[in-house]
Amino acid sequence: MKTINAREVRENLDSLLNAVASGEEFVIIHCGKRVAHLTPAPALADPVIFPDRSALRASLPPAKESVDTIIRATRDNERY
């Protein structure tokens, strides 16, 4: 694990990101103190698959008013 200062990070961010992507780790120092630890991102888990809700949406009755009308009325009532 390499230690670098904040100025080096600003000057070499692109190369640092490439190094981190290839598995290297860095500790960033600012004003003599450790402030960050650059590590590769963990592998993403399987994507979340949401259940199909089309049957539920189809079973709901249609709205009598549009949402923007309701929001405008609510805002007008709050202001005056």
N, C-alpha and C. Protein backbone atom coordinates (compact mmCIF):
# COMPACT_ATOMS: atom_id res chain seq x y z
N MET A 1 0.85 -1.17 0.00
CA MET A 1 0.00 0.00 0.00
C MET A 1 0.90 1.24 0.00
N LYS A 2 0.66 2.10 -0.97
CA LYS A 2 1.47 3.30 -1.12
C LYS A 2 0.79 4.48 -0.43
N THR A 3 1.60 5.42 0.04
CA THR A 3 1.10 6.64 0.67
C THR A 3 1.39 7.80 -0.27
N ILE A 4 0.36 8.62 -0.54
CA ILE A 4 0.52 9.78 -1.41
C ILE A 4 -0.16 10.97 -0.76
N ASN A 5 0.30 12.17 -1.13
CA ASN A 5 -0.34 13.36 -0.56
C ASN A 5 -1.42 13.89 -1.49
N ALA A 6 -2.24 14.78 -0.99
CA ALA A 6 -3.40 15.28 -1.72
C ALA A 6 -2.99 15.99 -3.01
N ARG A 7 -1.86 16.68 -3.00
CA ARG A 7 -1.41 17.36 -4.22
C ARG A 7 -1.12 16.34 -5.32
N GLU A 8 -0.49 15.24 -4.97
CA GLU A 8 -0.20 14.20 -5.96
C GLU A 8 -1.50 13.60 -6.52
N VAL A 9 -2.50 13.49 -5.67
CA VAL A 9 -3.79 12.97 -6.12
C VAL A 9 -4.38 13.90 -7.17
N ARG A 10 -4.37 15.21 -6.89
CA ARG A 10 -4.92 16.18 -7.84
C ARG A 10 -4.18 16.14 -9.17
N GLU A 11 -2.85 16.00 -9.11
CA GLU A 11 -2.04 16.04 -10.32
C GLU A 11 -2.10 14.74 -11.12
N ASN A 12 -2.33 13.61 -10.45
CA ASN A 12 -2.24 12.31 -11.12
C ASN A 12 -3.48 11.45 -10.94
N LEU A 13 -4.65 12.06 -10.87
CA LEU A 13 -5.86 11.31 -10.57
C LEU A 13 -6.13 10.21 -11.59
N ASP A 14 -5.96 10.50 -12.86
CA ASP A 14 -6.26 9.50 -13.88
C ASP A 14 -5.38 8.26 -13.72
N SER A 15 -4.09 8.46 -13.54
CA SER A 15 -3.19 7.31 -13.39
C SER A 15 -3.45 6.58 -12.07
N LEU A 16 -3.84 7.33 -11.02
CA LEU A 16 -4.18 6.68 -9.75
C LEU A 16 -5.40 5.80 -9.90
N LEU A 17 -6.42 6.29 -10.59
CA LEU A 17 -7.63 5.49 -10.79
C LEU A 17 -7.34 4.24 -11.60
N ASN A 18 -6.47 4.35 -12.60
CA ASN A 18 -6.08 3.17 -13.37
C ASN A 18 -5.34 2.16 -12.50
N ALA A 19 -4.46 2.65 -11.61
CA ALA A 19 -3.74 1.76 -10.72
C ALA A 19 -4.69 1.08 -9.73
N VAL A 20 -5.64 1.83 -9.20
CA VAL A 20 -6.61 1.26 -8.26
C VAL A 20 -7.47 0.23 -8.98
N ALA A 21 -7.85 0.51 -10.21
CA ALA A 21 -8.65 -0.45 -10.98
C ALA A 21 -7.90 -1.75 -11.21
N SER A 22 -6.57 -1.68 -11.27
CA SER A 22 -5.78 -2.89 -11.48
C SER A 22 -5.43 -3.58 -10.16
N GLY A 23 -5.92 -3.06 -9.02
CA GLY A 23 -5.76 -3.75 -7.75
C GLY A 23 -4.88 -3.08 -6.71
N GLU A 24 -4.23 -1.99 -7.04
CA GLU A 24 -3.37 -1.31 -6.06
C GLU A 24 -4.21 -0.55 -5.04
N GLU A 25 -3.62 -0.29 -3.88
CA GLU A 25 -4.29 0.50 -2.84
C GLU A 25 -3.40 1.67 -2.46
N PHE A 26 -4.03 2.78 -2.09
CA PHE A 26 -3.30 3.99 -1.72
C PHE A 26 -3.91 4.59 -0.46
N VAL A 27 -3.05 5.20 0.36
CA VAL A 27 -3.49 6.00 1.50
C VAL A 27 -3.18 7.44 1.15
N ILE A 28 -4.16 8.32 1.30
CA ILE A 28 -3.99 9.73 0.97
C ILE A 28 -3.75 10.50 2.26
N ILE A 29 -2.69 11.32 2.24
CA ILE A 29 -2.30 12.13 3.38
C ILE A 29 -2.61 13.59 3.06
N HIS A 30 -3.22 14.29 4.02
CA HIS A 30 -3.50 15.73 3.87
C HIS A 30 -3.12 16.41 5.18
N CYS A 31 -2.24 17.39 5.11
CA CYS A 31 -1.73 18.11 6.29
C CYS A 31 -1.14 17.12 7.31
N GLY A 32 -0.47 16.09 6.81
CA GLY A 32 0.22 15.15 7.68
C GLY A 32 -0.67 14.09 8.30
N LYS A 33 -1.95 14.06 7.96
CA LYS A 33 -2.86 13.08 8.55
C LYS A 33 -3.47 12.20 7.45
N ARG A 34 -3.73 10.96 7.79
CA ARG A 34 -4.41 10.05 6.86
C ARG A 34 -5.86 10.50 6.73
N VAL A 35 -6.30 10.73 5.51
CA VAL A 35 -7.68 11.18 5.30
C VAL A 35 -8.50 10.25 4.43
N ALA A 36 -7.85 9.40 3.64
CA ALA A 36 -8.60 8.52 2.74
C ALA A 36 -7.79 7.28 2.41
N HIS A 37 -8.52 6.26 2.00
CA HIS A 37 -7.91 5.00 1.60
C HIS A 37 -8.54 4.61 0.28
N LEU A 38 -7.76 4.64 -0.80
CA LEU A 38 -8.27 4.27 -2.12
C LEU A 38 -8.08 2.77 -2.32
N THR A 39 -9.18 2.08 -2.54
CA THR A 39 -9.15 0.65 -2.80
C THR A 39 -10.04 0.35 -3.99
N PRO A 40 -9.81 -0.78 -4.64
CA PRO A 40 -10.71 -1.15 -5.74
C PRO A 40 -12.12 -1.36 -5.22
N ALA A 41 -13.09 -1.03 -6.02
CA ALA A 41 -14.50 -1.23 -5.64
C ALA A 41 -14.78 -2.73 -5.58
N PRO A 42 -15.61 -3.15 -4.63
CA PRO A 42 -15.95 -4.58 -4.56
C PRO A 42 -16.77 -4.98 -5.78
N ALA A 43 -16.69 -6.25 -6.12
CA ALA A 43 -17.48 -6.75 -7.25
C ALA A 43 -18.96 -6.62 -6.91
N LEU A 44 -19.72 -6.24 -7.88
CA LEU A 44 -21.16 -6.06 -7.66
C LEU A 44 -21.84 -7.41 -7.56
N ALA A 45 -22.80 -7.48 -6.69
CA ALA A 45 -23.59 -8.70 -6.55
C ALA A 45 -24.55 -8.81 -7.73
N ASP A 46 -25.28 -9.88 -7.78
CA ASP A 46 -26.27 -10.05 -8.83
C ASP A 46 -27.24 -8.88 -8.81
N PRO A 47 -27.67 -8.42 -9.97
CA PRO A 47 -28.59 -7.28 -9.99
C PRO A 47 -29.92 -7.63 -9.32
N VAL A 48 -30.52 -6.63 -8.72
CA VAL A 48 -31.80 -6.81 -8.06
C VAL A 48 -32.89 -6.86 -9.13
N ILE A 49 -33.71 -7.86 -9.06
CA ILE A 49 -34.82 -7.99 -10.01
C ILE A 49 -36.11 -7.71 -9.26
N PHE A 50 -36.79 -6.67 -9.66
CA PHE A 50 -38.02 -6.28 -8.99
C PHE A 50 -39.19 -7.08 -9.55
N PRO A 51 -40.15 -7.43 -8.70
CA PRO A 51 -41.29 -8.20 -9.18
C PRO A 51 -42.15 -7.38 -10.13
N ASP A 52 -42.83 -8.09 -11.02
CA ASP A 52 -43.71 -7.44 -12.00
C ASP A 52 -44.97 -6.94 -11.30
N ARG A 53 -45.23 -5.67 -11.39
CA ARG A 53 -46.40 -5.07 -10.75
C ARG A 53 -47.45 -4.62 -11.76
N SER A 54 -47.36 -5.07 -12.99
CA SER A 54 -48.30 -4.62 -14.02
C SER A 54 -49.74 -5.05 -13.70
N ALA A 55 -49.94 -6.22 -13.12
CA ALA A 55 -51.29 -6.66 -12.77
C ALA A 55 -51.88 -5.76 -11.69
N LEU A 56 -51.05 -5.37 -10.72
CA LEU A 56 -51.51 -4.46 -9.67
C LEU A 56 -51.90 -3.11 -10.25
N ARG A 57 -51.04 -2.57 -11.11
CA ARG A 57 -51.34 -1.27 -11.72
C ARG A 57 -52.61 -1.33 -12.56
N ALA A 58 -52.81 -2.43 -13.25
CA ALA A 58 -54.01 -2.57 -14.08
C ALA A 58 -55.28 -2.66 -13.23
N SER A 59 -55.15 -3.19 -12.00
CA SER A 59 -56.33 -3.34 -11.14
C SER A 59 -56.72 -2.05 -10.43
N LEU A 60 -55.85 -1.04 -10.41
CA LEU A 60 -56.15 0.22 -9.73
C LEU A 60 -57.08 1.08 -10.59
N PRO A 61 -58.00 1.77 -9.97
CA PRO A 61 -58.90 2.64 -10.75
C PRO A 61 -58.12 3.85 -11.27
N PRO A 62 -58.54 4.42 -12.39
CA PRO A 62 -57.84 5.60 -12.91
C PRO A 62 -58.03 6.79 -11.98
N ALA A 63 -57.04 7.65 -11.95
CA ALA A 63 -57.09 8.84 -11.11
C ALA A 63 -58.09 9.83 -11.67
N LYS A 64 -58.80 10.53 -10.78
CA LYS A 64 -59.79 11.52 -11.20
C LYS A 64 -59.14 12.84 -11.56
N GLU A 65 -58.01 13.14 -10.89
CA GLU A 65 -57.27 14.37 -11.16
C GLU A 65 -55.82 14.01 -11.44
N SER A 66 -55.17 14.86 -12.21
CA SER A 66 -53.75 14.62 -12.47
C SER A 66 -52.94 15.05 -11.24
N VAL A 67 -51.78 14.47 -11.11
CA VAL A 67 -50.94 14.75 -9.95
C VAL A 67 -50.53 16.22 -9.92
N ASP A 68 -50.21 16.79 -11.07
CA ASP A 68 -49.79 18.20 -11.06
C ASP A 68 -50.89 19.12 -10.58
N THR A 69 -52.15 18.81 -10.87
CA THR A 69 -53.27 19.62 -10.38
C THR A 69 -53.36 19.53 -8.86
N ILE A 70 -53.21 18.35 -8.32
CA ILE A 70 -53.26 18.16 -6.86
C ILE A 70 -52.13 18.91 -6.18
N ILE A 71 -50.93 18.81 -6.73
CA ILE A 71 -49.77 19.48 -6.13
C ILE A 71 -49.94 20.99 -6.17
N ARG A 72 -50.39 21.53 -7.31
CA ARG A 72 -50.59 22.98 -7.41
C ARG A 72 -51.64 23.46 -6.42
N ALA A 73 -52.72 22.72 -6.28
CA ALA A 73 -53.77 23.11 -5.32
C ALA A 73 -53.24 23.08 -3.91
N THR A 74 -52.47 22.07 -3.58
CA THR A 74 -51.89 21.97 -2.23
C THR A 74 -50.96 23.13 -1.95
N ARG A 75 -50.12 23.46 -2.92
CA ARG A 75 -49.19 24.59 -2.74
C ARG A 75 -49.94 25.91 -2.61
N ASP A 76 -50.95 26.10 -3.43
CA ASP A 76 -51.72 27.35 -3.35
C ASP A 76 -52.40 27.48 -2.00
N ASN A 77 -52.94 26.40 -1.47
CA ASN A 77 -53.62 26.44 -0.18
C ASN A 77 -52.63 26.72 0.97
N GLU A 78 -51.41 26.26 0.82
CA GLU A 78 -50.41 26.50 1.86
C GLU A 78 -49.90 27.93 1.85
N ARG A 79 -49.85 28.54 0.68
CA ARG A 79 -49.30 29.89 0.56
C ARG A 79 -50.27 30.96 1.03
N TYR A 80 -51.54 30.76 0.80
CA TYR A 80 -52.49 31.84 1.05
C TYR A 80 -53.46 31.50 2.14
